[in-house]
Amino acid sequence: MDEEFTLKKIKVGAKPFSRPRDDRIILGVCSGLARKLRITSTTSRVIFSLLTLFTGGTLALVYLAIFILSPQE
């Protein structure tokens, strides 16, 4: 039995949310959400825009709150 055993690092917990500086169009919130959800930035922006339209603009206030509360990368 000459099997090689290696130790693997296990990531515990999630990375905190942050707004990236390199992939932002307006304030970086959609880009940060995309990285957190592991989807493309374009998909995140389209979904966020559609949801903002469907909520009558209420989600725009949530966008501003996320911008104020979240740190930059």
PDB file of N, CA and C in Angstrom:
ATOM      1  N   MET A   1       0.829  -1.183   0.000  1.00  0.00           N
ATOM      2  CA  MET A   1       0.000   0.000   0.000  1.00  0.00           C
ATOM      3  C   MET A   1       0.872   1.245   0.000  1.00  0.00           C
ATOM      4  N   ASP A   2       1.291   1.626  -1.151  1.00  0.00           N
ATOM      5  CA  ASP A   2       2.102   2.831  -1.293  1.00  0.00           C
ATOM      6  C   ASP A   2       1.263   3.993  -1.818  1.00  0.00           C
ATOM      7  N   GLU A   3       0.159   4.228  -1.203  1.00  0.00           N
ATOM      8  CA  GLU A   3      -0.672   5.350  -1.614  1.00  0.00           C
ATOM      9  C   GLU A   3      -0.172   6.616  -0.943  1.00  0.00           C
ATOM     10  N   GLU A   4      -0.199   7.673  -1.705  1.00  0.00           N
ATOM     11  CA  GLU A   4       0.225   8.955  -1.165  1.00  0.00           C
ATOM     12  C   GLU A   4      -0.980   9.694  -0.620  1.00  0.00           C
ATOM     13  N   PHE A   5      -0.862  10.137   0.587  1.00  0.00           N
ATOM     14  CA  PHE A   5      -1.944  10.895   1.185  1.00  0.00           C
ATOM     15  C   PHE A   5      -1.518  12.354   1.261  1.00  0.00           C
ATOM     16  N   THR A   6      -2.388  13.215   0.811  1.00  0.00           N
ATOM     17  CA  THR A   6      -2.102  14.642   0.871  1.00  0.00           C
ATOM     18  C   THR A   6      -3.170  15.322   1.704  1.00  0.00           C
ATOM     19  N   LEU A   7      -2.769  16.368   2.327  1.00  0.00           N
ATOM     20  CA  LEU A   7      -3.705  17.159   3.110  1.00  0.00           C
ATOM     21  C   LEU A   7      -4.316  18.219   2.211  1.00  0.00           C
ATOM     22  N   LYS A   8      -5.605  18.375   2.322  1.00  0.00           N
ATOM     23  CA  LYS A   8      -6.295  19.394   1.541  1.00  0.00           C
ATOM     24  C   LYS A   8      -6.782  20.471   2.487  1.00  0.00           C
ATOM     25  N   LYS A   9      -6.636  21.691   2.033  1.00  0.00           N
ATOM     26  CA  LYS A   9      -7.152  22.800   2.820  1.00  0.00           C
ATOM     27  C   LYS A   9      -8.647  22.919   2.561  1.00  0.00           C
ATOM     28  N   ILE A  10      -9.378  23.069   3.611  1.00  0.00           N
ATOM     29  CA  ILE A  10     -10.821  23.216   3.508  1.00  0.00           C
ATOM     30  C   ILE A  10     -11.163  24.655   3.861  1.00  0.00           C
ATOM     31  N   LYS A  11     -11.873  25.297   2.954  1.00  0.00           N
ATOM     32  CA  LYS A  11     -12.297  26.663   3.216  1.00  0.00           C
ATOM     33  C   LYS A  11     -13.526  26.642   4.108  1.00  0.00           C
ATOM     34  N   VAL A  12     -13.414  27.310   5.217  1.00  0.00           N
ATOM     35  CA  VAL A  12     -14.519  27.364   6.162  1.00  0.00           C
ATOM     36  C   VAL A  12     -15.092  28.772   6.129  1.00  0.00           C
ATOM     37  N   GLY A  13     -16.394  28.854   5.990  1.00  0.00           N
ATOM     38  CA  GLY A  13     -17.033  30.158   5.949  1.00  0.00           C
ATOM     39  C   GLY A  13     -17.006  30.742   4.549  1.00  0.00           C
ATOM     40  N   ALA A  14     -17.621  31.852   4.410  1.00  0.00           N
ATOM     41  CA  ALA A  14     -17.709  32.509   3.118  1.00  0.00           C
ATOM     42  C   ALA A  14     -16.894  33.797   3.131  1.00  0.00           C
ATOM     43  N   LYS A  15     -16.461  34.189   1.952  1.00  0.00           N
ATOM     44  CA  LYS A  15     -15.768  35.465   1.835  1.00  0.00           C
ATOM     45  C   LYS A  15     -16.764  36.588   2.097  1.00  0.00           C
ATOM     46  N   PRO A  16     -16.345  37.621   2.775  1.00  0.00           N
ATOM     47  CA  PRO A  16     -17.264  38.737   3.001  1.00  0.00           C
ATOM     48  C   PRO A  16     -17.560  39.473   1.688  1.00  0.00           C
ATOM     49  N   PHE A  17     -18.709  40.078   1.623  1.00  0.00           N
ATOM     50  CA  PHE A  17     -19.107  40.819   0.429  1.00  0.00           C
ATOM     51  C   PHE A  17     -18.293  42.097   0.321  1.00  0.00           C
ATOM     52  N   SER A  18     -17.827  42.377  -0.876  1.00  0.00           N
ATOM     53  CA  SER A  18     -17.130  43.635  -1.131  1.00  0.00           C
ATOM     54  C   SER A  18     -17.388  44.049  -2.577  1.00  0.00           C
ATOM     55  N   ARG A  19     -17.234  45.344  -2.816  1.00  0.00           N
ATOM     56  CA  ARG A  19     -17.426  45.880  -4.165  1.00  0.00           C
ATOM     57  C   ARG A  19     -16.075  45.989  -4.848  1.00  0.00           C
ATOM     58  N   PRO A  20     -15.875  45.288  -5.969  1.00  0.00           N
ATOM     59  CA  PRO A  20     -14.578  45.346  -6.651  1.00  0.00           C
ATOM     60  C   PRO A  20     -14.366  46.691  -7.345  1.00  0.00           C
ATOM     61  N   ARG A  21     -13.127  47.058  -7.486  1.00  0.00           N
ATOM     62  CA  ARG A  21     -12.797  48.319  -8.157  1.00  0.00           C
ATOM     63  C   ARG A  21     -12.623  48.156  -9.666  1.00  0.00           C
ATOM     64  N   ASP A  22     -12.325  46.943 -10.100  1.00  0.00           N
ATOM     65  CA  ASP A  22     -11.977  46.754 -11.505  1.00  0.00           C
ATOM     66  C   ASP A  22     -13.153  46.447 -12.420  1.00  0.00           C
ATOM     67  N   ASP A  23     -14.280  45.998 -11.901  1.00  0.00           N
ATOM     68  CA  ASP A  23     -15.397  45.576 -12.751  1.00  0.00           C
ATOM     69  C   ASP A  23     -16.672  46.298 -12.353  1.00  0.00           C
ATOM     70  N   ARG A  24     -16.623  47.604 -12.327  1.00  0.00           N
ATOM     71  CA  ARG A  24     -17.815  48.336 -11.944  1.00  0.00           C
ATOM     72  C   ARG A  24     -18.251  49.253 -13.074  1.00  0.00           C
ATOM     73  N   ILE A  25     -19.552  49.443 -13.154  1.00  0.00           N
ATOM     74  CA  ILE A  25     -20.089  50.381 -14.134  1.00  0.00           C
ATOM     75  C   ILE A  25     -20.598  51.622 -13.401  1.00  0.00           C
ATOM     76  N   ILE A  26     -21.410  51.434 -12.384  1.00  0.00           N
ATOM     77  CA  ILE A  26     -21.908  52.582 -11.628  1.00  0.00           C
ATOM     78  C   ILE A  26     -21.220  52.626 -10.263  1.00  0.00           C
ATOM     79  N   LEU A  27     -21.597  51.751  -9.357  1.00  0.00           N
ATOM     80  CA  LEU A  27     -21.014  51.763  -8.013  1.00  0.00           C
ATOM     81  C   LEU A  27     -20.379  50.432  -7.619  1.00  0.00           C
ATOM     82  N   GLY A  28     -20.542  49.404  -8.434  1.00  0.00           N
ATOM     83  CA  GLY A  28     -19.900  48.120  -8.169  1.00  0.00           C
ATOM     84  C   GLY A  28     -20.723  47.123  -7.390  1.00  0.00           C
ATOM     85  N   VAL A  29     -21.970  47.457  -7.082  1.00  0.00           N
ATOM     86  CA  VAL A  29     -22.799  46.552  -6.284  1.00  0.00           C
ATOM     87  C   VAL A  29     -23.147  45.294  -7.068  1.00  0.00           C
ATOM     88  N   CYS A  30     -23.579  45.440  -8.304  1.00  0.00           N
ATOM     89  CA  CYS A  30     -23.946  44.271  -9.117  1.00  0.00           C
ATOM     90  C   CYS A  30     -22.740  43.379  -9.380  1.00  0.00           C
ATOM     91  N   SER A  31     -21.593  43.969  -9.564  1.00  0.00           N
ATOM     92  CA  SER A  31     -20.380  43.187  -9.772  1.00  0.00           C
ATOM     93  C   SER A  31     -20.013  42.405  -8.516  1.00  0.00           C
ATOM     94  N   GLY A  32     -20.166  43.023  -7.367  1.00  0.00           N
ATOM     95  CA  GLY A  32     -19.906  42.335  -6.108  1.00  0.00           C
ATOM     96  C   GLY A  32     -20.886  41.199  -5.867  1.00  0.00           C
ATOM     97  N   LEU A  33     -22.157  41.434  -6.198  1.00  0.00           N
ATOM     98  CA  LEU A  33     -23.158  40.372  -6.071  1.00  0.00           C
ATOM     99  C   LEU A  33     -22.854  39.226  -7.024  1.00  0.00           C
ATOM    100  N   ALA A  34     -22.397  39.555  -8.223  1.00  0.00           N
ATOM    101  CA  ALA A  34     -22.061  38.520  -9.205  1.00  0.00           C
ATOM    102  C   ALA A  34     -20.914  37.646  -8.703  1.00  0.00           C
ATOM    103  N   ARG A  35     -19.908  38.257  -8.134  1.00  0.00           N
ATOM    104  CA  ARG A  35     -18.787  37.471  -7.604  1.00  0.00           C
ATOM    105  C   ARG A  35     -19.223  36.613  -6.427  1.00  0.00           C
ATOM    106  N   LYS A  36     -20.096  37.142  -5.594  1.00  0.00           N
ATOM    107  CA  LYS A  36     -20.579  36.390  -4.440  1.00  0.00           C
ATOM    108  C   LYS A  36     -21.427  35.199  -4.867  1.00  0.00           C
ATOM    109  N   LEU A  37     -22.250  35.388  -5.907  1.00  0.00           N
ATOM    110  CA  LEU A  37     -23.137  34.324  -6.380  1.00  0.00           C
ATOM    111  C   LEU A  37     -22.500  33.452  -7.466  1.00  0.00           C
ATOM    112  N   ARG A  38     -21.282  33.798  -7.861  1.00  0.00           N
ATOM    113  CA  ARG A  38     -20.539  33.073  -8.901  1.00  0.00           C
ATOM    114  C   ARG A  38     -21.281  33.030 -10.231  1.00  0.00           C
ATOM    115  N   ILE A  39     -21.771  34.210 -10.657  1.00  0.00           N
ATOM    116  CA  ILE A  39     -22.379  34.368 -11.967  1.00  0.00           C
ATOM    117  C   ILE A  39     -21.653  35.508 -12.669  1.00  0.00           C
ATOM    118  N   THR A  40     -21.961  35.748 -13.935  1.00  0.00           N
ATOM    119  CA  THR A  40     -21.289  36.831 -14.650  1.00  0.00           C
ATOM    120  C   THR A  40     -21.857  38.175 -14.213  1.00  0.00           C
ATOM    121  N   SER A  41     -21.067  39.202 -14.379  1.00  0.00           N
ATOM    122  CA  SER A  41     -21.505  40.548 -14.005  1.00  0.00           C
ATOM    123  C   SER A  41     -22.679  41.007 -14.855  1.00  0.00           C
ATOM    124  N   THR A  42     -22.651  40.657 -16.123  1.00  0.00           N
ATOM    125  CA  THR A  42     -23.736  41.049 -17.020  1.00  0.00           C
ATOM    126  C   THR A  42     -25.052  40.418 -16.576  1.00  0.00           C
ATOM    127  N   THR A  43     -25.024  39.161 -16.211  1.00  0.00           N
ATOM    128  CA  THR A  43     -26.228  38.484 -15.735  1.00  0.00           C
ATOM    129  C   THR A  43     -26.754  39.156 -14.472  1.00  0.00           C
ATOM    130  N   SER A  44     -25.863  39.487 -13.574  1.00  0.00           N
ATOM    131  CA  SER A  44     -26.265  40.153 -12.340  1.00  0.00           C
ATOM    132  C   SER A  44     -26.906  41.505 -12.632  1.00  0.00           C
ATOM    133  N   ARG A  45     -26.338  42.248 -13.550  1.00  0.00           N
ATOM    134  CA  ARG A  45     -26.872  43.571 -13.884  1.00  0.00           C
ATOM    135  C   ARG A  45     -28.250  43.470 -14.536  1.00  0.00           C
ATOM    136  N   VAL A  46     -28.420  42.500 -15.420  1.00  0.00           N
ATOM    137  CA  VAL A  46     -29.716  42.323 -16.086  1.00  0.00           C
ATOM    138  C   VAL A  46     -30.784  41.920 -15.071  1.00  0.00           C
ATOM    139  N   ILE A  47     -30.469  40.954 -14.208  1.00  0.00           N
ATOM    140  CA  ILE A  47     -31.428  40.518 -13.188  1.00  0.00           C
ATOM    141  C   ILE A  47     -31.776  41.663 -12.251  1.00  0.00           C
ATOM    142  N   PHE A  48     -30.774  42.407 -11.806  1.00  0.00           N
ATOM    143  CA  PHE A  48     -31.017  43.517 -10.885  1.00  0.00           C
ATOM    144  C   PHE A  48     -31.861  44.597 -11.551  1.00  0.00           C
ATOM    145  N   SER A  49     -31.593  44.873 -12.827  1.00  0.00           N
ATOM    146  CA  SER A  49     -32.373  45.886 -13.560  1.00  0.00           C
ATOM    147  C   SER A  49     -33.825  45.459 -13.723  1.00  0.00           C
ATOM    148  N   LEU A  50     -34.043  44.197 -14.083  1.00  0.00           N
ATOM    149  CA  LEU A  50     -35.412  43.704 -14.242  1.00  0.00           C
ATOM    150  C   LEU A  50     -36.168  43.712 -12.914  1.00  0.00           C
ATOM    151  N   LEU A  51     -35.491  43.286 -11.855  1.00  0.00           N
ATOM    152  CA  LEU A  51     -36.141  43.305 -10.548  1.00  0.00           C
ATOM    153  C   LEU A  51     -36.445  44.728 -10.086  1.00  0.00           C
ATOM    154  N   THR A  52     -35.598  45.673 -10.437  1.00  0.00           N
ATOM    155  CA  THR A  52     -35.848  47.072 -10.089  1.00  0.00           C
ATOM    156  C   THR A  52     -37.087  47.583 -10.813  1.00  0.00           C
ATOM    157  N   LEU A  53     -37.230  47.201 -12.086  1.00  0.00           N
ATOM    158  CA  LEU A  53     -38.423  47.604 -12.828  1.00  0.00           C
ATOM    159  C   LEU A  53     -39.684  46.964 -12.253  1.00  0.00           C
ATOM    160  N   PHE A  54     -39.604  45.681 -11.899  1.00  0.00           N
ATOM    161  CA  PHE A  54     -40.770  44.973 -11.374  1.00  0.00           C
ATOM    162  C   PHE A  54     -41.177  45.456  -9.982  1.00  0.00           C
ATOM    163  N   THR A  55     -40.241  45.988  -9.213  1.00  0.00           N
ATOM    164  CA  THR A  55     -40.573  46.479  -7.873  1.00  0.00           C
ATOM    165  C   THR A  55     -40.907  47.968  -7.872  1.00  0.00           C
ATOM    166  N   GLY A  56     -40.980  48.563  -9.041  1.00  0.00           N
ATOM    167  CA  GLY A  56     -41.334  49.978  -9.128  1.00  0.00           C
ATOM    168  C   GLY A  56     -40.238  50.904  -8.634  1.00  0.00           C
ATOM    169  N   GLY A  57     -38.997  50.458  -8.691  1.00  0.00           N
ATOM    170  CA  GLY A  57     -37.873  51.290  -8.295  1.00  0.00           C
ATOM    171  C   GLY A  57     -37.455  51.137  -6.845  1.00  0.00           C
ATOM    172  N   THR A  58     -38.167  50.326  -6.093  1.00  0.00           N
ATOM    173  CA  THR A  58     -37.836  50.141  -4.685  1.00  0.00           C
ATOM    174  C   THR A  58     -36.465  49.496  -4.520  1.00  0.00           C
ATOM    175  N   LEU A  59     -36.112  48.630  -5.438  1.00  0.00           N
ATOM    176  CA  LEU A  59     -34.823  47.949  -5.348  1.00  0.00           C
ATOM    177  C   LEU A  59     -33.655  48.923  -5.545  1.00  0.00           C
ATOM    178  N   ALA A  60     -33.916  50.067  -6.147  1.00  0.00           N
ATOM    179  CA  ALA A  60     -32.875  51.084  -6.288  1.00  0.00           C
ATOM    180  C   ALA A  60     -32.435  51.602  -4.910  1.00  0.00           C
ATOM    181  N   LEU A  61     -33.371  51.674  -3.979  1.00  0.00           N
ATOM    182  CA  LEU A  61     -33.022  52.079  -2.620  1.00  0.00           C
ATOM    183  C   LEU A  61     -32.177  51.017  -1.931  1.00  0.00           C
ATOM    184  N   VAL A  62     -32.476  49.747  -2.211  1.00  0.00           N
ATOM    185  CA  VAL A  62     -31.673  48.646  -1.672  1.00  0.00           C
ATOM    186  C   VAL A  62     -30.267  48.713  -2.249  1.00  0.00           C
ATOM    187  N   TYR A  63     -30.158  49.048  -3.535  1.00  0.00           N
ATOM    188  CA  TYR A  63     -28.865  49.203  -4.196  1.00  0.00           C
ATOM    189  C   TYR A  63     -28.030  50.262  -3.473  1.00  0.00           C
ATOM    190  N   LEU A  64     -28.636  51.389  -3.182  1.00  0.00           N
ATOM    191  CA  LEU A  64     -27.919  52.458  -2.473  1.00  0.00           C
ATOM    192  C   LEU A  64     -27.518  52.035  -1.065  1.00  0.00           C
ATOM    193  N   ALA A  65     -28.393  51.293  -0.390  1.00  0.00           N
ATOM    194  CA  ALA A  65     -28.068  50.819   0.961  1.00  0.00           C
ATOM    195  C   ALA A  65     -26.890  49.848   0.926  1.00  0.00           C
ATOM    196  N   ILE A  66     -26.876  48.955  -0.063  1.00  0.00           N
ATOM    197  CA  ILE A  66     -25.752  48.018  -0.201  1.00  0.00           C
ATOM    198  C   ILE A  66     -24.473  48.791  -0.487  1.00  0.00           C
ATOM    199  N   PHE A  67     -24.562  49.819  -1.320  1.00  0.00           N
ATOM    200  CA  PHE A  67     -23.386  50.638  -1.629  1.00  0.00           C
ATOM    201  C   PHE A  67     -22.840  51.313  -0.370  1.00  0.00           C
ATOM    202  N   ILE A  68     -23.713  51.840   0.454  1.00  0.00           N
ATOM    203  CA  ILE A  68     -23.276  52.543   1.653  1.00  0.00           C
ATOM    204  C   ILE A  68     -22.675  51.589   2.692  1.00  0.00           C
ATOM    205  N   LEU A  69     -23.274  50.411   2.816  1.00  0.00           N
ATOM    206  CA  LEU A  69     -22.863  49.479   3.870  1.00  0.00           C
ATOM    207  C   LEU A  69     -21.701  48.559   3.505  1.00  0.00           C
ATOM    208  N   SER A  70     -21.439  48.372   2.231  1.00  0.00           N
ATOM    209  CA  SER A  70     -20.408  47.403   1.836  1.00  0.00           C
ATOM    210  C   SER A  70     -19.070  48.083   1.573  1.00  0.00           C
ATOM    211  N   PRO A  71     -17.985  47.404   1.930  1.00  0.00           N
ATOM    212  CA  PRO A  71     -16.654  47.970   1.704  1.00  0.00           C
ATOM    213  C   PRO A  71     -16.163  47.732   0.277  1.00  0.00           C
ATOM    214  N   GLN A  72     -15.197  48.538  -0.123  1.00  0.00           N
ATOM    215  CA  GLN A  72     -14.544  48.330  -1.415  1.00  0.00           C
ATOM    216  C   GLN A  72     -13.463  47.278  -1.257  1.00  0.00           C
ATOM    217  N   GLU A  73     -13.090  46.698  -2.363  1.00  0.00           N
ATOM    218  CA  GLU A  73     -12.002  45.723  -2.370  1.00  0.00           C
ATOM    219  C   GLU A  73     -10.677  46.405  -2.157  1.00  0.00           C
TER     220      GLU A  73
END
